[in-house]
Amino acid sequence: MKTFGQVIVEARKAASLTQKAVAERLCRGDGRKVLPPWLNDLEHDRRYPPENAVIEQLAELLHISADILYFYARRVPGDISGDFDDNVIEAGYRAFRKELQGLGTSTTPYGLSGSAATLGLTCKGSLVRVQVRPPDSLSKFKARSPSR
């Protein structure tokens, strides 16, 4: 699996941007500017993935889904918050695994199998709804948490 830094490098190069150009446009949560050496360290995995505010800025600058960056940062996106029931969390992960495993062996530029581009998770009661948006269409998968 690719690292967060590798995904940033690929997306930056695909956007035809230099480290300096990206760093000049980034700002940390506390208002400090990002310097090119900091971005270089991030790209070479000498730093942990940055705070959510920087991930969101990177996604916009590099024209990549923030969900992809959160995935490689091994972090839950900031818009998914709350104290969810364990059954709902478990059902969400099962649906996520099933979707990724069912996509075959082709890969996207950012390392996800098949055509997975964005994963959205909506929880309501014990119903988990997972939406995967492939480049051409929208597919929906619904999973119910097991009765115990």
Protein backbone atom coordinates (compact mmCIF):
# COMPACT_ATOMS: atom_id res chain seq x y z
CA MET A 1 0.00 0.00 0.00
CA LYS A 2 1.20 3.49 -0.78
CA THR A 3 2.11 5.94 1.93
CA PHE A 4 0.55 9.34 2.51
CA GLY A 5 3.70 10.99 1.17
CA GLN A 6 3.69 8.91 -2.02
CA VAL A 7 0.07 9.87 -2.72
CA ILE A 8 0.91 13.56 -2.24
CA VAL A 9 3.89 13.32 -4.61
CA GLU A 10 1.83 11.60 -7.33
CA ALA A 11 -1.04 14.07 -7.03
CA ARG A 12 1.30 17.08 -6.97
CA LYS A 13 3.13 15.91 -10.08
CA ALA A 14 -0.17 15.10 -11.84
CA ALA A 15 -1.25 18.70 -11.10
CA SER A 16 2.11 19.94 -12.50
CA LEU A 17 2.95 21.79 -9.30
CA THR A 18 6.28 22.18 -7.54
CA GLN A 19 6.75 21.70 -3.81
CA LYS A 20 7.36 25.43 -3.52
CA ALA A 21 4.10 26.28 -5.33
CA VAL A 22 2.09 23.96 -3.08
CA ALA A 23 3.80 25.08 0.12
CA GLU A 24 3.16 28.76 -0.68
CA ARG A 25 -0.59 28.09 -0.79
CA LEU A 26 -0.83 26.04 2.41
CA CYS A 27 -1.52 27.39 5.86
CA ARG A 28 -1.53 25.40 9.11
CA GLY A 29 -4.42 25.52 11.55
CA ASP A 30 -2.58 28.01 13.76
CA GLY A 31 -2.03 30.39 10.83
CA ARG A 32 1.63 29.59 10.16
CA LYS A 33 2.67 29.20 6.54
CA VAL A 34 4.01 25.86 5.33
CA LEU A 35 7.60 25.92 4.11
CA PRO A 36 8.89 23.80 1.19
CA PRO A 37 11.25 21.75 3.45
CA TRP A 38 8.24 20.77 5.62
CA LEU A 39 6.34 19.61 2.50
CA ASN A 40 9.44 17.74 1.33
CA ASP A 41 9.61 15.92 4.66
CA LEU A 42 5.90 15.10 4.39
CA GLU A 43 6.34 13.70 0.88
CA HIS A 44 9.25 11.53 2.03
CA ASP A 45 7.28 10.27 5.05
CA ARG A 46 9.60 11.91 7.54
CA ARG A 47 6.54 13.55 9.12
CA TYR A 48 3.20 12.21 10.22
CA PRO A 49 0.25 13.19 8.04
CA PRO A 50 -0.76 16.77 8.85
CA GLU A 51 -3.79 18.11 10.68
CA ASN A 52 -7.20 17.93 9.00
CA ALA A 53 -7.14 21.58 7.90
CA VAL A 54 -3.95 20.95 5.88
CA ILE A 55 -5.34 17.71 4.44
CA GLU A 56 -8.40 19.62 3.20
CA GLN A 57 -6.19 22.31 1.61
CA LEU A 58 -3.97 19.70 -0.04
CA ALA A 59 -7.01 17.95 -1.48
CA GLU A 60 -8.25 21.18 -3.04
CA LEU A 61 -4.84 22.26 -4.38
CA LEU A 62 -3.96 18.85 -5.79
CA HIS A 63 -7.42 18.07 -7.19
CA ILE A 64 -7.75 14.86 -5.20
CA SER A 65 -10.54 13.73 -2.92
CA ALA A 66 -9.95 14.57 0.73
CA ASP A 67 -11.35 11.09 1.49
CA ILE A 68 -8.38 9.54 -0.35
CA LEU A 69 -5.97 11.61 1.73
CA TYR A 70 -7.76 10.70 4.97
CA PHE A 71 -7.58 7.02 3.97
CA TYR A 72 -3.81 7.17 3.48
CA ALA A 73 -3.42 9.27 6.63
CA ARG A 74 -5.25 6.40 8.39
CA ARG A 75 -7.67 8.90 9.82
CA VAL A 76 -11.44 9.33 9.90
CA PRO A 77 -12.56 12.49 8.07
CA GLY A 78 -13.61 15.35 10.30
CA ASP A 79 -17.19 15.32 9.00
CA ILE A 80 -17.70 11.81 10.38
CA SER A 81 -17.95 12.46 14.05
CA GLY A 82 -20.06 11.19 16.86
CA ASP A 83 -20.38 8.33 19.24
CA PHE A 84 -21.60 5.51 17.00
CA ASP A 85 -22.91 2.16 18.12
CA ASP A 86 -20.31 -0.61 17.73
CA ASN A 87 -22.63 -2.55 15.41
CA VAL A 88 -22.89 0.43 13.06
CA ILE A 89 -19.11 0.86 12.95
CA GLU A 90 -18.63 -2.85 12.31
CA ALA A 91 -21.22 -2.87 9.51
CA GLY A 92 -19.55 0.15 7.90
CA TYR A 93 -16.15 -1.55 7.85
CA ARG A 94 -17.67 -4.77 6.48
CA ALA A 95 -19.33 -2.81 3.66
CA PHE A 96 -16.06 -0.96 2.97
CA ARG A 97 -14.09 -4.22 2.77
CA LYS A 98 -16.70 -5.89 0.60
CA GLU A 99 -16.71 -2.99 -1.84
CA LEU A 100 -12.91 -2.86 -2.15
CA GLN A 101 -12.53 -6.64 -2.43
CA GLY A 102 -15.23 -6.86 -5.10
CA LEU A 103 -13.55 -4.41 -7.43
CA GLY A 104 -10.92 -6.74 -8.86
CA THR A 105 -7.26 -6.05 -9.37
CA SER A 106 -7.23 -2.83 -11.40
CA THR A 107 -5.99 0.21 -9.51
CA THR A 108 -6.68 3.92 -9.58
CA PRO A 109 -3.81 6.44 -9.65
CA TYR A 110 -4.00 6.69 -5.87
CA GLY A 111 -3.80 2.97 -5.10
CA LEU A 112 -7.40 2.02 -4.37
CA SER A 113 -8.61 -1.09 -6.15
CA GLY A 114 -11.02 -0.81 -9.06
CA SER A 115 -12.96 2.37 -9.52
CA ALA A 116 -13.32 3.48 -5.91
CA ALA A 117 -12.89 7.23 -5.81
CA THR A 118 -14.86 8.43 -2.80
CA LEU A 119 -16.42 6.63 0.13
CA GLY A 120 -19.20 8.29 2.05
CA LEU A 121 -20.69 6.74 5.18
CA THR A 122 -24.10 7.70 6.51
CA CYS A 123 -25.34 6.14 9.74
CA LYS A 124 -28.96 6.15 10.84
CA GLY A 125 -30.06 3.73 13.54
CA SER A 126 -28.67 0.34 12.62
CA LEU A 127 -28.64 1.01 8.86
CA VAL A 128 -25.33 1.86 7.22
CA ARG A 129 -25.37 3.31 3.74
CA VAL A 130 -22.14 3.32 1.78
CA GLN A 131 -21.81 5.23 -1.45
CA VAL A 132 -18.86 4.64 -3.74
CA ARG A 133 -18.59 7.09 -6.59
CA PRO A 134 -16.76 5.55 -9.54
CA PRO A 135 -15.64 7.98 -12.23
CA ASP A 136 -18.56 7.15 -14.58
CA SER A 137 -21.47 6.34 -12.33
CA LEU A 138 -22.80 6.13 -8.80
CA SER A 139 -23.23 2.75 -7.17
CA LYS A 140 -24.93 2.23 -3.84
CA PHE A 141 -24.54 -0.57 -1.36
CA LYS A 142 -26.70 -1.01 1.71
CA ALA A 143 -25.72 -3.20 4.63
CA ARG A 144 -27.65 -3.93 7.78
CA SER A 145 -25.83 -4.55 11.00
CA PRO A 146 -26.29 -8.10 12.30
CA SER A 147 -28.94 -8.79 14.90
CA ARG A 148 -27.46 -10.01 18.13
